[in-house]
Amino acid sequence: MPRKFNIAYDGGGLIGAVEDTNDIGVKAVQLGEEILFRIALGGATGHKAFANDLGVVVPPAEINQVVTAIVRVYIEHGCRTNRKKARLKHLLETMLIEEFRALVEKKLGSPLRRAPYDPAQLRWASQELPHSHVGDFPQKQRA
């Protein structure tokens, strides 16, 4: 893998990960009673590029298998020889996210569960906790 290829998992705990600035970002979400993972692809902090949602949700037991398939698709189709182009975002600039998802599903041998990204209906798994480290929060001490 390229030296700057990043994968972030946010399990919805008290300490959050900023998954949308990584090549592969995985974030726990709640759909009804289920805790699942959303996947975002192609983020790169230094390029000021945020990841794009893959449009799927994945059960916890399958998430590593799906991430492995994503990495294998990148290895087969991405540029790993030019350091300036060795990021998933550059591969995604050459194909639609739907095409990339189809390659991942082919690698997995089964379709992924579709779940369009709708921020209005999205419930992050960590919303029940006091807060993640992202955002602004009042101090515990009195001023």
N, C-alpha and C. Protein backbone atom coordinates (compact mmCIF):
# COMPACT_ATOMS: atom_id res chain seq x y z
N MET A 1 0.84 -1.17 0.00
CA MET A 1 0.00 0.00 0.00
C MET A 1 0.89 1.25 0.00
N PRO A 2 0.38 2.33 -0.58
CA PRO A 2 1.15 3.58 -0.54
C PRO A 2 1.35 4.05 0.89
N ARG A 3 2.38 4.82 1.10
CA ARG A 3 2.75 5.26 2.45
C ARG A 3 1.69 6.12 3.12
N LYS A 4 0.87 6.82 2.36
CA LYS A 4 -0.11 7.72 2.96
C LYS A 4 -1.54 7.21 2.83
N PHE A 5 -1.72 5.97 2.47
CA PHE A 5 -3.06 5.40 2.34
C PHE A 5 -3.61 5.19 3.75
N ASN A 6 -4.74 5.83 4.05
CA ASN A 6 -5.29 5.83 5.41
C ASN A 6 -6.66 5.16 5.48
N ILE A 7 -6.85 4.41 6.55
CA ILE A 7 -8.15 3.78 6.83
C ILE A 7 -8.52 4.16 8.26
N ALA A 8 -9.74 4.67 8.45
CA ALA A 8 -10.19 5.07 9.80
C ALA A 8 -11.50 4.37 10.12
N TYR A 9 -11.56 3.86 11.34
CA TYR A 9 -12.78 3.24 11.85
C TYR A 9 -13.29 4.10 13.00
N ASP A 10 -14.56 4.47 12.95
CA ASP A 10 -15.20 5.16 14.06
C ASP A 10 -16.32 4.25 14.54
N GLY A 11 -16.13 3.67 15.71
CA GLY A 11 -17.10 2.73 16.25
C GLY A 11 -18.24 3.37 17.01
N GLY A 12 -18.31 4.70 17.00
CA GLY A 12 -19.42 5.37 17.67
C GLY A 12 -19.21 5.53 19.15
N GLY A 13 -17.97 5.48 19.60
CA GLY A 13 -17.69 5.63 21.02
C GLY A 13 -17.49 7.08 21.41
N LEU A 14 -17.03 7.29 22.62
CA LEU A 14 -16.83 8.63 23.14
C LEU A 14 -15.77 9.39 22.37
N ILE A 15 -14.73 8.70 21.92
CA ILE A 15 -13.69 9.34 21.13
C ILE A 15 -13.94 8.99 19.67
N GLY A 16 -14.25 10.00 18.88
CA GLY A 16 -14.59 9.78 17.48
C GLY A 16 -13.36 9.85 16.58
N ALA A 17 -13.48 9.30 15.40
CA ALA A 17 -12.44 9.39 14.37
C ALA A 17 -13.00 10.29 13.27
N VAL A 18 -12.13 11.01 12.62
CA VAL A 18 -12.56 11.86 11.51
C VAL A 18 -12.39 11.03 10.23
N GLU A 19 -13.38 10.19 10.00
CA GLU A 19 -13.27 9.22 8.91
C GLU A 19 -13.39 9.83 7.52
N ASP A 20 -13.94 11.03 7.41
CA ASP A 20 -14.17 11.60 6.08
C ASP A 20 -12.94 12.25 5.46
N THR A 21 -11.78 12.20 6.14
CA THR A 21 -10.54 12.72 5.55
C THR A 21 -9.55 11.60 5.29
N ASN A 22 -10.05 10.38 5.19
CA ASN A 22 -9.21 9.22 4.95
C ASN A 22 -9.59 8.54 3.64
N ASP A 23 -8.67 7.75 3.10
CA ASP A 23 -8.97 7.02 1.87
C ASP A 23 -10.20 6.15 2.04
N ILE A 24 -10.26 5.45 3.17
CA ILE A 24 -11.43 4.64 3.52
C ILE A 24 -11.85 5.05 4.93
N GLY A 25 -13.09 5.47 5.07
CA GLY A 25 -13.61 5.84 6.38
C GLY A 25 -14.82 5.00 6.71
N VAL A 26 -14.85 4.46 7.90
CA VAL A 26 -15.93 3.59 8.35
C VAL A 26 -16.52 4.20 9.62
N LYS A 27 -17.84 4.38 9.66
CA LYS A 27 -18.47 5.02 10.82
C LYS A 27 -19.71 4.25 11.23
N ALA A 28 -19.82 3.98 12.53
CA ALA A 28 -20.99 3.29 13.08
C ALA A 28 -22.21 4.20 13.02
N VAL A 29 -23.33 3.64 12.56
CA VAL A 29 -24.60 4.35 12.52
C VAL A 29 -25.68 3.44 13.07
N GLN A 30 -26.79 4.05 13.46
CA GLN A 30 -27.91 3.27 13.96
C GLN A 30 -29.06 3.39 12.97
N LEU A 31 -29.55 2.26 12.50
CA LEU A 31 -30.73 2.20 11.64
C LEU A 31 -31.76 1.36 12.37
N GLY A 32 -32.79 2.02 12.90
CA GLY A 32 -33.76 1.30 13.72
C GLY A 32 -33.06 0.77 14.95
N GLU A 33 -33.10 -0.53 15.14
CA GLU A 33 -32.42 -1.16 16.28
C GLU A 33 -31.03 -1.66 15.93
N GLU A 34 -30.67 -1.60 14.66
CA GLU A 34 -29.38 -2.14 14.22
C GLU A 34 -28.25 -1.12 14.30
N ILE A 35 -27.08 -1.58 14.68
CA ILE A 35 -25.86 -0.79 14.55
C ILE A 35 -25.13 -1.35 13.33
N LEU A 36 -24.89 -0.49 12.37
CA LEU A 36 -24.24 -0.87 11.12
C LEU A 36 -23.10 0.11 10.86
N PHE A 37 -22.38 -0.11 9.78
CA PHE A 37 -21.31 0.81 9.41
C PHE A 37 -21.56 1.40 8.03
N ARG A 38 -21.36 2.72 7.91
CA ARG A 38 -21.36 3.41 6.62
C ARG A 38 -19.91 3.51 6.19
N ILE A 39 -19.70 3.55 4.88
CA ILE A 39 -18.35 3.64 4.33
C ILE A 39 -18.26 4.87 3.46
N ALA A 40 -17.20 5.62 3.65
CA ALA A 40 -16.91 6.80 2.82
C ALA A 40 -15.53 6.59 2.20
N LEU A 41 -15.37 7.00 0.95
CA LEU A 41 -14.14 6.74 0.21
C LEU A 41 -13.56 8.01 -0.41
N GLY A 42 -12.24 8.08 -0.44
CA GLY A 42 -11.55 9.10 -1.23
C GLY A 42 -11.19 10.38 -0.51
N GLY A 43 -11.22 10.40 0.79
CA GLY A 43 -10.81 11.60 1.51
C GLY A 43 -9.30 11.72 1.56
N ALA A 44 -8.82 12.94 1.68
CA ALA A 44 -7.37 13.18 1.79
C ALA A 44 -7.18 14.57 2.39
N THR A 45 -6.75 14.63 3.63
CA THR A 45 -6.62 15.90 4.33
C THR A 45 -5.75 16.89 3.58
N GLY A 46 -4.57 16.48 3.14
CA GLY A 46 -3.65 17.38 2.45
C GLY A 46 -4.18 17.90 1.14
N HIS A 47 -5.14 17.21 0.56
CA HIS A 47 -5.73 17.62 -0.72
C HIS A 47 -7.03 18.40 -0.50
N LYS A 48 -7.39 18.60 0.75
CA LYS A 48 -8.65 19.27 1.10
C LYS A 48 -9.84 18.59 0.42
N ALA A 49 -9.80 17.26 0.40
CA ALA A 49 -10.85 16.47 -0.22
C ALA A 49 -11.54 15.63 0.85
N PHE A 50 -12.85 15.71 0.90
CA PHE A 50 -13.60 14.89 1.84
C PHE A 50 -14.09 13.64 1.14
N ALA A 51 -14.21 12.58 1.90
CA ALA A 51 -14.63 11.30 1.35
C ALA A 51 -16.09 11.36 0.88
N ASN A 52 -16.40 10.52 -0.10
CA ASN A 52 -17.75 10.39 -0.62
C ASN A 52 -18.38 9.12 -0.08
N ASP A 53 -19.63 9.23 0.34
CA ASP A 53 -20.34 8.08 0.88
C ASP A 53 -20.54 7.03 -0.20
N LEU A 54 -20.28 5.77 0.14
CA LEU A 54 -20.42 4.67 -0.82
C LEU A 54 -21.88 4.27 -1.03
N GLY A 55 -22.79 4.74 -0.16
CA GLY A 55 -24.21 4.45 -0.33
C GLY A 55 -24.63 3.09 0.17
N VAL A 56 -23.86 2.55 1.12
CA VAL A 56 -24.17 1.22 1.66
C VAL A 56 -24.03 1.23 3.17
N VAL A 57 -24.62 0.23 3.80
CA VAL A 57 -24.38 -0.05 5.22
C VAL A 57 -23.94 -1.50 5.33
N VAL A 58 -23.07 -1.76 6.31
CA VAL A 58 -22.46 -3.08 6.45
C VAL A 58 -22.57 -3.53 7.90
N PRO A 59 -22.99 -4.78 8.14
CA PRO A 59 -23.02 -5.30 9.51
C PRO A 59 -21.61 -5.39 10.08
N PRO A 60 -21.47 -5.23 11.40
CA PRO A 60 -20.14 -5.29 12.01
C PRO A 60 -19.35 -6.56 11.67
N ALA A 61 -20.00 -7.69 11.59
CA ALA A 61 -19.30 -8.95 11.31
C ALA A 61 -18.69 -8.99 9.91
N GLU A 62 -19.14 -8.12 9.01
CA GLU A 62 -18.67 -8.14 7.62
C GLU A 62 -17.78 -6.96 7.26
N ILE A 63 -17.60 -6.00 8.17
CA ILE A 63 -16.93 -4.76 7.79
C ILE A 63 -15.48 -4.96 7.35
N ASN A 64 -14.73 -5.80 8.03
CA ASN A 64 -13.33 -6.00 7.63
C ASN A 64 -13.22 -6.69 6.28
N GLN A 65 -14.13 -7.58 5.98
CA GLN A 65 -14.16 -8.25 4.68
C GLN A 65 -14.43 -7.23 3.58
N VAL A 66 -15.35 -6.30 3.82
CA VAL A 66 -15.68 -5.27 2.84
C VAL A 66 -14.50 -4.31 2.65
N VAL A 67 -13.88 -3.89 3.74
CA VAL A 67 -12.71 -3.00 3.64
C VAL A 67 -11.59 -3.70 2.87
N THR A 68 -11.38 -4.97 3.12
CA THR A 68 -10.37 -5.73 2.39
C THR A 68 -10.68 -5.75 0.90
N ALA A 69 -11.94 -5.93 0.53
CA ALA A 69 -12.33 -5.92 -0.88
C ALA A 69 -12.07 -4.55 -1.50
N ILE A 70 -12.35 -3.48 -0.76
CA ILE A 70 -12.09 -2.12 -1.25
C ILE A 70 -10.59 -1.94 -1.51
N VAL A 71 -9.76 -2.39 -0.58
CA VAL A 71 -8.31 -2.29 -0.75
C VAL A 71 -7.85 -3.10 -1.96
N ARG A 72 -8.40 -4.28 -2.14
CA ARG A 72 -8.00 -5.12 -3.29
C ARG A 72 -8.40 -4.48 -4.62
N VAL A 73 -9.56 -3.83 -4.66
CA VAL A 73 -9.96 -3.12 -5.88
C VAL A 73 -8.99 -1.98 -6.14
N TYR A 74 -8.61 -1.25 -5.08
CA TYR A 74 -7.64 -0.17 -5.25
C TYR A 74 -6.31 -0.73 -5.78
N ILE A 75 -5.83 -1.83 -5.21
CA ILE A 75 -4.57 -2.41 -5.65
C ILE A 75 -4.62 -2.78 -7.13
N GLU A 76 -5.74 -3.32 -7.59
CA GLU A 76 -5.87 -3.74 -8.98
C GLU A 76 -6.04 -2.58 -9.95
N HIS A 77 -6.67 -1.49 -9.53
CA HIS A 77 -7.03 -0.42 -10.47
C HIS A 77 -6.37 0.92 -10.19
N GLY A 78 -5.82 1.11 -9.00
CA GLY A 78 -5.23 2.40 -8.65
C GLY A 78 -3.79 2.53 -9.09
N CYS A 79 -3.27 3.74 -8.99
CA CYS A 79 -1.88 4.02 -9.32
C CYS A 79 -1.06 3.94 -8.04
N ARG A 80 -0.12 3.00 -8.02
CA ARG A 80 0.72 2.87 -6.83
C ARG A 80 2.19 3.19 -7.15
N THR A 81 2.46 3.66 -8.34
CA THR A 81 3.85 3.96 -8.71
C THR A 81 4.17 5.45 -8.62
N ASN A 82 3.19 6.31 -8.84
CA ASN A 82 3.38 7.75 -8.77
C ASN A 82 2.93 8.23 -7.39
N ARG A 83 3.87 8.69 -6.56
CA ARG A 83 3.53 9.11 -5.20
C ARG A 83 2.48 10.21 -5.16
N LYS A 84 2.40 11.03 -6.19
CA LYS A 84 1.42 12.12 -6.21
C LYS A 84 0.02 11.64 -6.59
N LYS A 85 -0.09 10.41 -7.08
CA LYS A 85 -1.39 9.86 -7.49
C LYS A 85 -1.76 8.60 -6.72
N ALA A 86 -1.01 8.29 -5.67
CA ALA A 86 -1.19 7.03 -4.95
C ALA A 86 -2.20 7.15 -3.82
N ARG A 87 -3.36 7.65 -4.13
CA ARG A 87 -4.45 7.77 -3.16
C ARG A 87 -5.74 7.27 -3.82
N LEU A 88 -6.66 6.81 -3.01
CA LEU A 88 -7.93 6.31 -3.54
C LEU A 88 -8.71 7.43 -4.24
N LYS A 89 -8.57 8.67 -3.77
CA LYS A 89 -9.29 9.79 -4.38
C LYS A 89 -8.95 9.93 -5.86
N HIS A 90 -7.71 9.65 -6.24
CA HIS A 90 -7.31 9.77 -7.64
C HIS A 90 -7.96 8.68 -8.50
N LEU A 91 -8.08 7.48 -7.96
CA LEU A 91 -8.79 6.42 -8.69
C LEU A 91 -10.26 6.80 -8.85
N LEU A 92 -10.86 7.35 -7.81
CA LEU A 92 -12.28 7.72 -7.88
C LEU A 92 -12.53 8.91 -8.80
N GLU A 93 -11.50 9.65 -9.15
CA GLU A 93 -11.64 10.72 -10.14
C GLU A 93 -11.75 10.15 -11.55
N THR A 94 -11.41 8.87 -11.73
CA THR A 94 -11.46 8.24 -13.05
C THR A 94 -12.69 7.36 -13.24
N MET A 95 -13.46 7.14 -12.17
CA MET A 95 -14.66 6.30 -12.28
C MET A 95 -15.73 6.79 -11.32
N LEU A 96 -16.95 6.48 -11.63
CA LEU A 96 -18.07 6.83 -10.75
C LEU A 96 -18.04 5.94 -9.51
N ILE A 97 -18.58 6.46 -8.42
CA ILE A 97 -18.64 5.70 -7.17
C ILE A 97 -19.43 4.40 -7.38
N GLU A 98 -20.45 4.45 -8.26
CA GLU A 98 -21.24 3.25 -8.55
C GLU A 98 -20.40 2.18 -9.24
N GLU A 99 -19.50 2.60 -10.12
CA GLU A 99 -18.60 1.65 -10.79
C GLU A 99 -17.66 1.01 -9.77
N PHE A 100 -17.13 1.84 -8.88
CA PHE A 100 -16.22 1.32 -7.86
C PHE A 100 -16.96 0.34 -6.96
N ARG A 101 -18.19 0.69 -6.55
CA ARG A 101 -18.98 -0.19 -5.70
C ARG A 101 -19.24 -1.53 -6.40
N ALA A 102 -19.51 -1.49 -7.69
CA ALA A 102 -19.75 -2.73 -8.45
C ALA A 102 -18.49 -3.61 -8.45
N LEU A 103 -17.32 -3.01 -8.56
CA LEU A 103 -16.07 -3.79 -8.50
C LEU A 103 -15.88 -4.41 -7.13
N VAL A 104 -16.23 -3.68 -6.08
CA VAL A 104 -16.13 -4.21 -4.72
C VAL A 104 -17.10 -5.38 -4.54
N GLU A 105 -18.32 -5.22 -5.03
CA GLU A 105 -19.32 -6.30 -4.92
C GLU A 105 -18.88 -7.53 -5.71
N LYS A 106 -18.26 -7.31 -6.85
CA LYS A 106 -17.75 -8.44 -7.64
C LYS A 106 -16.66 -9.16 -6.86
N LYS A 107 -15.80 -8.40 -6.22
CA LYS A 107 -14.73 -8.99 -5.40
C LYS A 107 -15.32 -9.77 -4.22
N LEU A 108 -16.38 -9.24 -3.62
CA LEU A 108 -17.03 -9.92 -2.49
C LEU A 108 -17.86 -11.13 -2.94
N GLY A 109 -18.37 -11.08 -4.16
CA GLY A 109 -19.23 -12.15 -4.64
C GLY A 109 -20.68 -12.01 -4.21
N SER A 110 -21.04 -10.83 -3.69
CA SER A 110 -22.42 -10.58 -3.27
C SER A 110 -22.66 -9.07 -3.22
N PRO A 111 -23.94 -8.68 -3.36
CA PRO A 111 -24.24 -7.24 -3.31
C PRO A 111 -24.16 -6.69 -1.89
N LEU A 112 -23.86 -5.41 -1.80
CA LEU A 112 -23.87 -4.71 -0.52
C LEU A 112 -25.26 -4.13 -0.29
N ARG A 113 -25.62 -3.95 0.94
CA ARG A 113 -26.95 -3.41 1.30
C ARG A 113 -26.97 -1.90 1.05
N ARG A 114 -27.81 -1.48 0.12
CA ARG A 114 -27.92 -0.07 -0.24
C ARG A 114 -28.61 0.72 0.87
N ALA A 115 -28.09 1.92 1.10
CA ALA A 115 -28.67 2.84 2.06
C ALA A 115 -28.24 4.24 1.65
N PRO A 116 -29.06 4.92 0.85
CA PRO A 116 -28.67 6.26 0.40
C PRO A 116 -28.33 7.17 1.57
N TYR A 117 -27.37 8.03 1.36
CA TYR A 117 -26.92 8.97 2.40
C TYR A 117 -27.95 10.08 2.53
N ASP A 118 -28.59 10.16 3.69
CA ASP A 118 -29.58 11.19 3.97
C ASP A 118 -29.30 11.75 5.36
N PRO A 119 -28.57 12.89 5.43
CA PRO A 119 -28.21 13.44 6.74
C PRO A 119 -29.40 13.69 7.66
N ALA A 120 -30.56 13.98 7.10
CA ALA A 120 -31.74 14.26 7.92
C ALA A 120 -32.20 13.01 8.68
N GLN A 121 -31.96 11.83 8.13
CA GLN A 121 -32.40 10.61 8.78
C GLN A 121 -31.26 9.82 9.40
N LEU A 122 -30.06 10.38 9.31
CA LEU A 122 -28.89 9.67 9.81
C LEU A 122 -28.74 9.84 11.31
N ARG A 123 -28.52 8.76 11.98
CA ARG A 123 -28.29 8.78 13.42
C ARG A 123 -26.98 8.08 13.68
N TRP A 124 -25.98 8.87 14.10
CA TRP A 124 -24.68 8.28 14.41
C TRP A 124 -24.81 7.47 15.69
N ALA A 125 -24.12 6.40 15.76
CA ALA A 125 -24.20 5.52 16.93
C ALA A 125 -23.78 6.23 18.20
N SER A 126 -22.93 7.23 18.10
CA SER A 126 -22.41 7.90 19.30
C SER A 126 -23.32 9.01 19.82
N GLN A 127 -24.47 9.26 19.23
CA GLN A 127 -25.32 10.35 19.67
C GLN A 127 -25.86 10.17 21.08
N GLU A 128 -25.85 8.96 21.59
CA GLU A 128 -26.34 8.72 22.95
C GLU A 128 -25.28 9.05 24.00
N LEU A 129 -24.02 9.17 23.57
CA LEU A 129 -22.93 9.45 24.50
C LEU A 129 -22.82 10.95 24.73
N PRO A 130 -22.17 11.37 25.82
CA PRO A 130 -22.04 12.80 26.11
C PRO A 130 -21.47 13.61 24.94
N HIS A 131 -20.37 13.18 24.37
CA HIS A 131 -19.83 13.81 23.17
C HIS A 131 -18.58 13.11 22.70
N SER A 132 -18.26 13.32 21.46
CA SER A 132 -17.01 12.87 20.87
C SER A 132 -16.03 14.03 21.06
N HIS A 133 -14.81 13.87 20.64
CA HIS A 133 -13.85 14.97 20.75
C HIS A 133 -14.02 16.00 19.64
N VAL A 134 -14.92 15.77 18.71
CA VAL A 134 -15.13 16.69 17.61
C VAL A 134 -16.25 17.67 17.96
N GLY A 135 -16.02 18.95 17.80
CA GLY A 135 -17.04 19.95 18.09
C GLY A 135 -16.61 20.84 19.24
N ASP A 136 -17.53 21.70 19.67
CA ASP A 136 -17.22 22.56 20.82
C ASP A 136 -18.18 22.23 21.95
N PHE A 137 -17.63 22.23 23.16
CA PHE A 137 -18.39 21.83 24.33
C PHE A 137 -18.00 22.72 25.50
N PRO A 138 -18.94 23.00 26.42
CA PRO A 138 -18.62 23.84 27.58
C PRO A 138 -17.62 23.13 28.50
N GLN A 139 -16.80 23.92 29.17
CA GLN A 139 -15.87 23.37 30.14
C GLN A 139 -16.64 22.84 31.34
N LYS A 140 -16.07 21.84 32.01
CA LYS A 140 -16.71 21.30 33.20
C LYS A 140 -16.51 22.25 34.38
N GLN A 141 -15.37 22.95 34.40
CA GLN A 141 -15.09 23.89 35.49
C GLN A 141 -15.88 25.18 35.29
N ARG A 142 -16.16 25.85 36.40
CA ARG A 142 -16.81 27.15 36.30
C ARG A 142 -15.79 28.18 35.83
N ALA A 143 -16.27 29.17 35.11
CA ALA A 143 -15.37 30.23 34.60
C ALA A 143 -14.96 31.16 35.71
